[in-house]
Amino acid sequence: MDRWSAPHIAADRGHEGAVEGLLEEAKILTGKGVEIDQRDKEGWTPLHLGVIMAHKRITEILVERGANIYAKNNQGWMALHLAAERGFADIVETIVRMGVSVDATMEGGWTALHLAAARGHDRVVGVLMKKGAD
């Protein structure tokens, strides 16, 4: 939690109203909003946290408000890779629907499909294959 912003905490805890409110209030007060992709010392954004905590609606809110779906943490993991590795098929589907490439790679050239298959997440593999993953 070192250097977490209010959106980091709200995303981690699954507080949809807080995430929406923080983003809207900052926009009103500053005219430009909060840094939605602000990173902690490990490179985690609020989107990463929403995904690893399996908060589908938080993921949707952040992406709808402009979160970078290609943002990587310090280990090179994107939100798609985190969701696939953990077996969160509904979140994988949401992120892909929001525009991320199903074949986006992380360090070592691994894709979400590689991660899901390695972990035995058949439902995620099915979602990715249906969306055209190689």
N, C-alpha and C. Protein backbone atom coordinates (compact mmCIF):
# COMPACT_ATOMS: atom_id res chain seq x y z
N MET A 1 0.81 -1.20 0.00
CA MET A 1 0.00 0.00 0.00
C MET A 1 0.86 1.26 0.00
N ASP A 2 2.15 1.08 -0.17
CA ASP A 2 3.03 2.23 -0.19
C ASP A 2 2.74 3.10 -1.41
N ARG A 3 2.42 4.36 -1.14
CA ARG A 3 2.15 5.36 -2.17
C ARG A 3 0.87 5.08 -2.95
N TRP A 4 -0.11 4.47 -2.31
CA TRP A 4 -1.41 4.28 -2.96
C TRP A 4 -2.19 5.58 -2.91
N SER A 5 -2.85 5.89 -4.00
CA SER A 5 -3.75 7.04 -4.07
C SER A 5 -5.13 6.60 -3.60
N ALA A 6 -6.03 7.56 -3.44
CA ALA A 6 -7.41 7.23 -3.07
C ALA A 6 -8.05 6.28 -4.09
N PRO A 7 -7.85 6.49 -5.41
CA PRO A 7 -8.40 5.51 -6.36
C PRO A 7 -7.81 4.10 -6.21
N HIS A 8 -6.52 4.00 -5.83
CA HIS A 8 -5.93 2.68 -5.57
C HIS A 8 -6.70 1.97 -4.46
N ILE A 9 -6.91 2.67 -3.37
CA ILE A 9 -7.57 2.07 -2.21
C ILE A 9 -9.01 1.70 -2.54
N ALA A 10 -9.73 2.60 -3.19
CA ALA A 10 -11.12 2.33 -3.55
C ALA A 10 -11.22 1.14 -4.51
N ALA A 11 -10.32 1.05 -5.47
CA ALA A 11 -10.33 -0.07 -6.42
C ALA A 11 -10.02 -1.38 -5.71
N ASP A 12 -9.03 -1.36 -4.83
CA ASP A 12 -8.66 -2.56 -4.09
C ASP A 12 -9.80 -3.07 -3.23
N ARG A 13 -10.54 -2.16 -2.63
CA ARG A 13 -11.62 -2.53 -1.71
C ARG A 13 -12.96 -2.79 -2.42
N GLY A 14 -13.02 -2.46 -3.72
CA GLY A 14 -14.24 -2.72 -4.48
C GLY A 14 -15.33 -1.70 -4.27
N HIS A 15 -14.97 -0.49 -3.89
CA HIS A 15 -15.95 0.56 -3.65
C HIS A 15 -16.26 1.31 -4.95
N GLU A 16 -17.26 0.81 -5.67
CA GLU A 16 -17.61 1.38 -6.98
C GLU A 16 -17.96 2.86 -6.89
N GLY A 17 -18.82 3.20 -5.94
CA GLY A 17 -19.24 4.59 -5.79
C GLY A 17 -18.08 5.50 -5.47
N ALA A 18 -17.15 5.02 -4.66
CA ALA A 18 -15.98 5.83 -4.31
C ALA A 18 -15.10 6.07 -5.53
N VAL A 19 -14.89 5.03 -6.32
CA VAL A 19 -14.07 5.19 -7.53
C VAL A 19 -14.72 6.22 -8.45
N GLU A 20 -16.01 6.03 -8.72
CA GLU A 20 -16.71 6.97 -9.60
C GLU A 20 -16.69 8.38 -9.02
N GLY A 21 -16.97 8.49 -7.73
CA GLY A 21 -17.00 9.80 -7.07
C GLY A 21 -15.66 10.50 -7.08
N LEU A 22 -14.60 9.77 -6.78
CA LEU A 22 -13.26 10.36 -6.78
C LEU A 22 -12.88 10.86 -8.16
N LEU A 23 -13.16 10.07 -9.17
CA LEU A 23 -12.82 10.48 -10.53
C LEU A 23 -13.63 11.70 -10.96
N GLU A 24 -14.90 11.72 -10.63
CA GLU A 24 -15.77 12.84 -11.01
C GLU A 24 -15.44 14.10 -10.23
N GLU A 25 -15.26 13.97 -8.92
CA GLU A 25 -14.96 15.13 -8.08
C GLU A 25 -13.64 15.78 -8.48
N ALA A 26 -12.64 14.98 -8.75
CA ALA A 26 -11.35 15.53 -9.17
C ALA A 26 -11.48 16.26 -10.49
N LYS A 27 -12.30 15.73 -11.38
CA LYS A 27 -12.52 16.39 -12.66
C LYS A 27 -13.18 17.75 -12.47
N ILE A 28 -14.15 17.81 -11.57
CA ILE A 28 -14.85 19.07 -11.29
C ILE A 28 -13.89 20.08 -10.67
N LEU A 29 -13.11 19.63 -9.69
CA LEU A 29 -12.24 20.54 -8.95
C LEU A 29 -11.04 21.02 -9.76
N THR A 30 -10.45 20.14 -10.54
CA THR A 30 -9.23 20.51 -11.25
C THR A 30 -9.45 20.80 -12.73
N GLY A 31 -10.61 20.40 -13.24
CA GLY A 31 -10.87 20.57 -14.66
C GLY A 31 -10.26 19.48 -15.51
N LYS A 32 -9.46 18.62 -14.90
CA LYS A 32 -8.84 17.55 -15.70
C LYS A 32 -8.91 16.18 -15.04
N GLY A 33 -9.23 16.10 -13.78
CA GLY A 33 -9.37 14.80 -13.13
C GLY A 33 -8.12 14.33 -12.43
N VAL A 34 -8.21 13.16 -11.84
CA VAL A 34 -7.07 12.56 -11.15
C VAL A 34 -6.25 11.77 -12.16
N GLU A 35 -5.06 11.46 -11.76
CA GLU A 35 -4.22 10.60 -12.59
C GLU A 35 -4.73 9.17 -12.42
N ILE A 36 -5.57 8.75 -13.33
CA ILE A 36 -6.24 7.45 -13.22
C ILE A 36 -5.26 6.29 -13.32
N ASP A 37 -4.12 6.52 -13.93
CA ASP A 37 -3.10 5.48 -14.07
C ASP A 37 -1.92 5.67 -13.12
N GLN A 38 -2.16 6.41 -12.04
CA GLN A 38 -1.09 6.62 -11.06
C GLN A 38 -0.58 5.27 -10.57
N ARG A 39 0.73 5.17 -10.44
CA ARG A 39 1.36 3.90 -10.06
C ARG A 39 1.90 3.97 -8.64
N ASP A 40 1.86 2.82 -7.97
CA ASP A 40 2.52 2.72 -6.68
C ASP A 40 3.98 2.32 -6.93
N LYS A 41 4.74 2.04 -5.88
CA LYS A 41 6.17 1.76 -6.07
C LYS A 41 6.43 0.48 -6.86
N GLU A 42 5.43 -0.41 -6.94
CA GLU A 42 5.56 -1.65 -7.71
C GLU A 42 5.00 -1.51 -9.13
N GLY A 43 4.54 -0.29 -9.46
CA GLY A 43 4.01 -0.04 -10.79
C GLY A 43 2.54 -0.41 -10.95
N TRP A 44 1.87 -0.73 -9.85
CA TRP A 44 0.46 -1.13 -9.90
C TRP A 44 -0.42 0.11 -10.03
N THR A 45 -1.38 0.04 -10.95
CA THR A 45 -2.37 1.09 -11.12
C THR A 45 -3.66 0.66 -10.43
N PRO A 46 -4.61 1.57 -10.24
CA PRO A 46 -5.92 1.15 -9.72
C PRO A 46 -6.55 0.03 -10.55
N LEU A 47 -6.35 0.05 -11.87
CA LEU A 47 -6.90 -1.00 -12.72
C LEU A 47 -6.31 -2.37 -12.36
N HIS A 48 -5.01 -2.43 -12.18
CA HIS A 48 -4.38 -3.70 -11.76
C HIS A 48 -5.02 -4.21 -10.47
N LEU A 49 -5.20 -3.31 -9.51
CA LEU A 49 -5.76 -3.72 -8.22
C LEU A 49 -7.20 -4.18 -8.34
N GLY A 50 -7.99 -3.46 -9.12
CA GLY A 50 -9.38 -3.87 -9.33
C GLY A 50 -9.46 -5.26 -9.94
N VAL A 51 -8.55 -5.54 -10.86
CA VAL A 51 -8.54 -6.86 -11.51
C VAL A 51 -8.12 -7.95 -10.55
N ILE A 52 -7.00 -7.77 -9.85
CA ILE A 52 -6.54 -8.87 -8.99
C ILE A 52 -7.48 -9.14 -7.83
N MET A 53 -8.30 -8.16 -7.48
CA MET A 53 -9.29 -8.38 -6.42
C MET A 53 -10.63 -8.86 -7.00
N ALA A 54 -10.65 -9.13 -8.30
CA ALA A 54 -11.83 -9.68 -9.00
C ALA A 54 -13.04 -8.74 -8.95
N HIS A 55 -12.78 -7.44 -9.02
CA HIS A 55 -13.85 -6.45 -9.02
C HIS A 55 -14.18 -6.07 -10.47
N LYS A 56 -15.10 -6.82 -11.06
CA LYS A 56 -15.45 -6.61 -12.47
C LYS A 56 -15.98 -5.20 -12.71
N ARG A 57 -16.87 -4.72 -11.88
CA ARG A 57 -17.46 -3.39 -12.11
C ARG A 57 -16.41 -2.29 -11.95
N ILE A 58 -15.50 -2.44 -11.00
CA ILE A 58 -14.41 -1.47 -10.84
C ILE A 58 -13.59 -1.43 -12.13
N THR A 59 -13.29 -2.61 -12.66
CA THR A 59 -12.54 -2.70 -13.91
C THR A 59 -13.26 -1.93 -15.01
N GLU A 60 -14.56 -2.15 -15.14
CA GLU A 60 -15.35 -1.45 -16.16
C GLU A 60 -15.32 0.06 -15.96
N ILE A 61 -15.53 0.50 -14.72
CA ILE A 61 -15.56 1.94 -14.43
C ILE A 61 -14.23 2.58 -14.82
N LEU A 62 -13.13 1.97 -14.39
CA LEU A 62 -11.81 2.55 -14.65
C LEU A 62 -11.52 2.61 -16.15
N VAL A 63 -11.84 1.56 -16.87
CA VAL A 63 -11.58 1.55 -18.31
C VAL A 63 -12.49 2.55 -19.02
N GLU A 64 -13.75 2.60 -18.63
CA GLU A 64 -14.68 3.58 -19.22
C GLU A 64 -14.21 5.01 -18.98
N ARG A 65 -13.54 5.24 -17.86
CA ARG A 65 -13.06 6.58 -17.52
C ARG A 65 -11.67 6.87 -18.07
N GLY A 66 -11.12 5.94 -18.84
CA GLY A 66 -9.86 6.22 -19.52
C GLY A 66 -8.62 5.54 -18.99
N ALA A 67 -8.76 4.57 -18.10
CA ALA A 67 -7.57 3.86 -17.61
C ALA A 67 -6.88 3.17 -18.78
N ASN A 68 -5.58 3.16 -18.74
CA ASN A 68 -4.77 2.56 -19.81
C ASN A 68 -4.81 1.03 -19.68
N ILE A 69 -5.50 0.36 -20.60
CA ILE A 69 -5.62 -1.09 -20.54
C ILE A 69 -4.32 -1.80 -20.91
N TYR A 70 -3.35 -1.04 -21.42
CA TYR A 70 -2.05 -1.61 -21.75
C TYR A 70 -0.98 -1.31 -20.69
N ALA A 71 -1.36 -0.65 -19.60
CA ALA A 71 -0.40 -0.32 -18.54
C ALA A 71 0.18 -1.60 -17.96
N LYS A 72 1.50 -1.62 -17.79
CA LYS A 72 2.19 -2.77 -17.20
C LYS A 72 2.77 -2.38 -15.85
N ASN A 73 2.72 -3.31 -14.90
CA ASN A 73 3.38 -3.05 -13.62
C ASN A 73 4.88 -3.29 -13.80
N ASN A 74 5.64 -3.17 -12.73
CA ASN A 74 7.09 -3.29 -12.82
C ASN A 74 7.56 -4.66 -13.28
N GLN A 75 6.70 -5.66 -13.16
CA GLN A 75 7.04 -7.01 -13.60
C GLN A 75 6.54 -7.29 -15.02
N GLY A 76 5.94 -6.29 -15.66
CA GLY A 76 5.50 -6.42 -17.04
C GLY A 76 4.11 -7.00 -17.23
N TRP A 77 3.32 -7.06 -16.15
CA TRP A 77 1.98 -7.63 -16.22
C TRP A 77 0.94 -6.55 -16.52
N MET A 78 0.10 -6.82 -17.53
CA MET A 78 -1.05 -5.97 -17.83
C MET A 78 -2.26 -6.54 -17.11
N ALA A 79 -3.33 -5.77 -17.04
CA ALA A 79 -4.57 -6.23 -16.40
C ALA A 79 -5.07 -7.52 -17.03
N LEU A 80 -4.99 -7.64 -18.35
CA LEU A 80 -5.43 -8.84 -19.04
C LEU A 80 -4.67 -10.07 -18.56
N HIS A 81 -3.36 -9.93 -18.42
CA HIS A 81 -2.53 -11.06 -17.98
C HIS A 81 -2.87 -11.46 -16.54
N LEU A 82 -3.09 -10.47 -15.69
CA LEU A 82 -3.45 -10.77 -14.30
C LEU A 82 -4.76 -11.53 -14.23
N ALA A 83 -5.76 -11.07 -14.97
CA ALA A 83 -7.07 -11.72 -14.96
C ALA A 83 -6.99 -13.14 -15.53
N ALA A 84 -6.24 -13.31 -16.60
CA ALA A 84 -6.12 -14.64 -17.23
C ALA A 84 -5.39 -15.61 -16.30
N GLU A 85 -4.33 -15.16 -15.68
CA GLU A 85 -3.53 -16.02 -14.80
C GLU A 85 -4.32 -16.46 -13.57
N ARG A 86 -5.25 -15.61 -13.14
CA ARG A 86 -6.06 -15.93 -11.96
C ARG A 86 -7.37 -16.64 -12.30
N GLY A 87 -7.67 -16.76 -13.58
CA GLY A 87 -8.87 -17.48 -13.99
C GLY A 87 -10.15 -16.68 -13.95
N PHE A 88 -10.04 -15.37 -14.03
CA PHE A 88 -11.22 -14.49 -13.98
C PHE A 88 -11.78 -14.27 -15.39
N ALA A 89 -12.52 -15.26 -15.88
CA ALA A 89 -13.01 -15.23 -17.26
C ALA A 89 -13.89 -14.02 -17.54
N ASP A 90 -14.74 -13.65 -16.59
CA ASP A 90 -15.63 -12.51 -16.82
C ASP A 90 -14.84 -11.21 -16.94
N ILE A 91 -13.78 -11.08 -16.18
CA ILE A 91 -12.95 -9.87 -16.26
C ILE A 91 -12.12 -9.89 -17.54
N VAL A 92 -11.61 -11.05 -17.93
CA VAL A 92 -10.90 -11.16 -19.21
C VAL A 92 -11.82 -10.70 -20.34
N GLU A 93 -13.04 -11.19 -20.32
CA GLU A 93 -14.00 -10.82 -21.36
C GLU A 93 -14.27 -9.32 -21.36
N THR A 94 -14.41 -8.74 -20.18
CA THR A 94 -14.64 -7.30 -20.05
C THR A 94 -13.48 -6.50 -20.63
N ILE A 95 -12.26 -6.86 -20.27
CA ILE A 95 -11.07 -6.13 -20.73
C ILE A 95 -10.93 -6.24 -22.25
N VAL A 96 -11.16 -7.43 -22.77
CA VAL A 96 -11.07 -7.62 -24.22
C VAL A 96 -12.16 -6.81 -24.93
N ARG A 97 -13.35 -6.82 -24.37
CA ARG A 97 -14.45 -6.04 -24.95
C ARG A 97 -14.12 -4.55 -24.96
N MET A 98 -13.33 -4.11 -23.99
CA MET A 98 -12.96 -2.70 -23.89
C MET A 98 -11.84 -2.33 -24.86
N GLY A 99 -11.29 -3.33 -25.57
CA GLY A 99 -10.36 -2.98 -26.64
C GLY A 99 -8.95 -3.51 -26.56
N VAL A 100 -8.56 -4.21 -25.52
CA VAL A 100 -7.19 -4.71 -25.44
C VAL A 100 -7.01 -5.88 -26.42
N SER A 101 -5.84 -5.98 -26.98
CA SER A 101 -5.53 -7.08 -27.89
C SER A 101 -5.39 -8.38 -27.10
N VAL A 102 -6.09 -9.43 -27.54
CA VAL A 102 -6.00 -10.72 -26.85
C VAL A 102 -4.61 -11.33 -26.97
N ASP A 103 -3.83 -10.87 -27.93
CA ASP A 103 -2.48 -11.40 -28.13
C ASP A 103 -1.39 -10.50 -27.57
N ALA A 104 -1.76 -9.53 -26.74
CA ALA A 104 -0.77 -8.66 -26.11
C ALA A 104 0.19 -9.51 -25.28
N THR A 105 1.47 -9.20 -25.38
CA THR A 105 2.48 -10.00 -24.68
C THR A 105 3.04 -9.28 -23.46
N MET A 106 3.56 -10.08 -22.56
CA MET A 106 4.25 -9.57 -21.38
C MET A 106 5.71 -10.01 -21.49
N GLU A 107 6.47 -9.82 -20.44
CA GLU A 107 7.88 -10.22 -20.44
C GLU A 107 7.99 -11.69 -20.85
N GLY A 108 8.94 -12.00 -21.69
CA GLY A 108 9.14 -13.37 -22.14
C GLY A 108 8.22 -13.78 -23.28
N GLY A 109 7.39 -12.85 -23.76
CA GLY A 109 6.51 -13.13 -24.88
C GLY A 109 5.23 -13.88 -24.53
N TRP A 110 4.96 -14.06 -23.24
CA TRP A 110 3.75 -14.77 -22.83
C TRP A 110 2.52 -13.93 -23.11
N THR A 111 1.46 -14.61 -23.54
CA THR A 111 0.16 -13.97 -23.75
C THR A 111 -0.80 -14.43 -22.66
N ALA A 112 -1.96 -13.83 -22.64
CA ALA A 112 -3.00 -14.24 -21.68
C ALA A 112 -3.37 -15.71 -21.92
N LEU A 113 -3.39 -16.13 -23.17
CA LEU A 113 -3.72 -17.52 -23.49
C LEU A 113 -2.69 -18.47 -22.89
N HIS A 114 -1.41 -18.13 -23.01
CA HIS A 114 -0.36 -18.96 -22.39
C HIS A 114 -0.59 -19.10 -20.89
N LEU A 115 -0.85 -17.97 -20.24
CA LEU A 115 -1.02 -17.96 -18.78
C LEU A 115 -2.23 -18.78 -18.36
N ALA A 116 -3.35 -18.58 -19.04
CA ALA A 116 -4.58 -19.31 -18.69
C ALA A 116 -4.40 -20.81 -18.91
N ALA A 117 -3.79 -21.19 -20.02
CA ALA A 117 -3.58 -22.61 -20.30
C ALA A 117 -2.63 -23.24 -19.29
N ALA A 118 -1.57 -22.52 -18.93
CA ALA A 118 -0.61 -23.05 -17.96
C ALA A 118 -1.24 -23.28 -16.60
N ARG A 119 -2.23 -22.48 -16.25
CA ARG A 119 -2.92 -22.60 -14.96
C ARG A 119 -4.16 -23.49 -15.02
N GLY A 120 -4.48 -23.98 -16.21
CA GLY A 120 -5.64 -24.85 -16.35
C GLY A 120 -6.98 -24.14 -16.27
N HIS A 121 -7.00 -22.88 -16.65
CA HIS A 121 -8.24 -22.10 -16.62
C HIS A 121 -8.97 -22.24 -17.96
N ASP A 122 -9.67 -23.35 -18.11
CA ASP A 122 -10.32 -23.68 -19.37
C ASP A 122 -11.33 -22.63 -19.82
N ARG A 123 -12.06 -22.07 -18.88
CA ARG A 123 -13.06 -21.06 -19.25
C ARG A 123 -12.39 -19.82 -19.84
N VAL A 124 -11.28 -19.40 -19.25
CA VAL A 124 -10.53 -18.25 -19.77
C VAL A 124 -9.97 -18.59 -21.14
N VAL A 125 -9.42 -19.79 -21.28
CA VAL A 125 -8.90 -20.22 -22.59
C VAL A 125 -10.01 -20.13 -23.63
N GLY A 126 -11.20 -20.59 -23.29
CA GLY A 126 -12.33 -20.53 -24.21
C GLY A 126 -12.70 -19.12 -24.60
N VAL A 127 -12.72 -18.22 -23.63
CA VAL A 127 -13.04 -16.81 -23.91
C VAL A 127 -12.00 -16.23 -24.86
N LEU A 128 -10.74 -16.47 -24.59
CA LEU A 128 -9.67 -15.92 -25.42
C LEU A 128 -9.68 -16.50 -26.83
N MET A 129 -9.91 -17.80 -26.94
CA MET A 129 -9.97 -18.43 -28.26
C MET A 129 -11.15 -17.88 -29.07
N LYS A 130 -12.28 -17.71 -28.39
CA LYS A 130 -13.47 -17.16 -29.05
C LYS A 130 -13.21 -15.75 -29.57
N LYS A 131 -12.34 -15.02 -28.87
CA LYS A 131 -12.01 -13.64 -29.26
C LYS A 131 -10.84 -13.59 -30.24
N GLY A 132 -10.35 -14.77 -30.68
CA GLY A 132 -9.33 -14.80 -31.72
C GLY A 132 -7.89 -14.93 -31.26
N ALA A 133 -7.66 -15.32 -30.01
CA ALA A 133 -6.28 -15.47 -29.52
C ALA A 133 -5.56 -16.58 -30.26
N ASP A 134 -4.27 -16.36 -30.51
CA ASP A 134 -3.43 -17.37 -31.18
C ASP A 134 -2.71 -18.21 -30.15
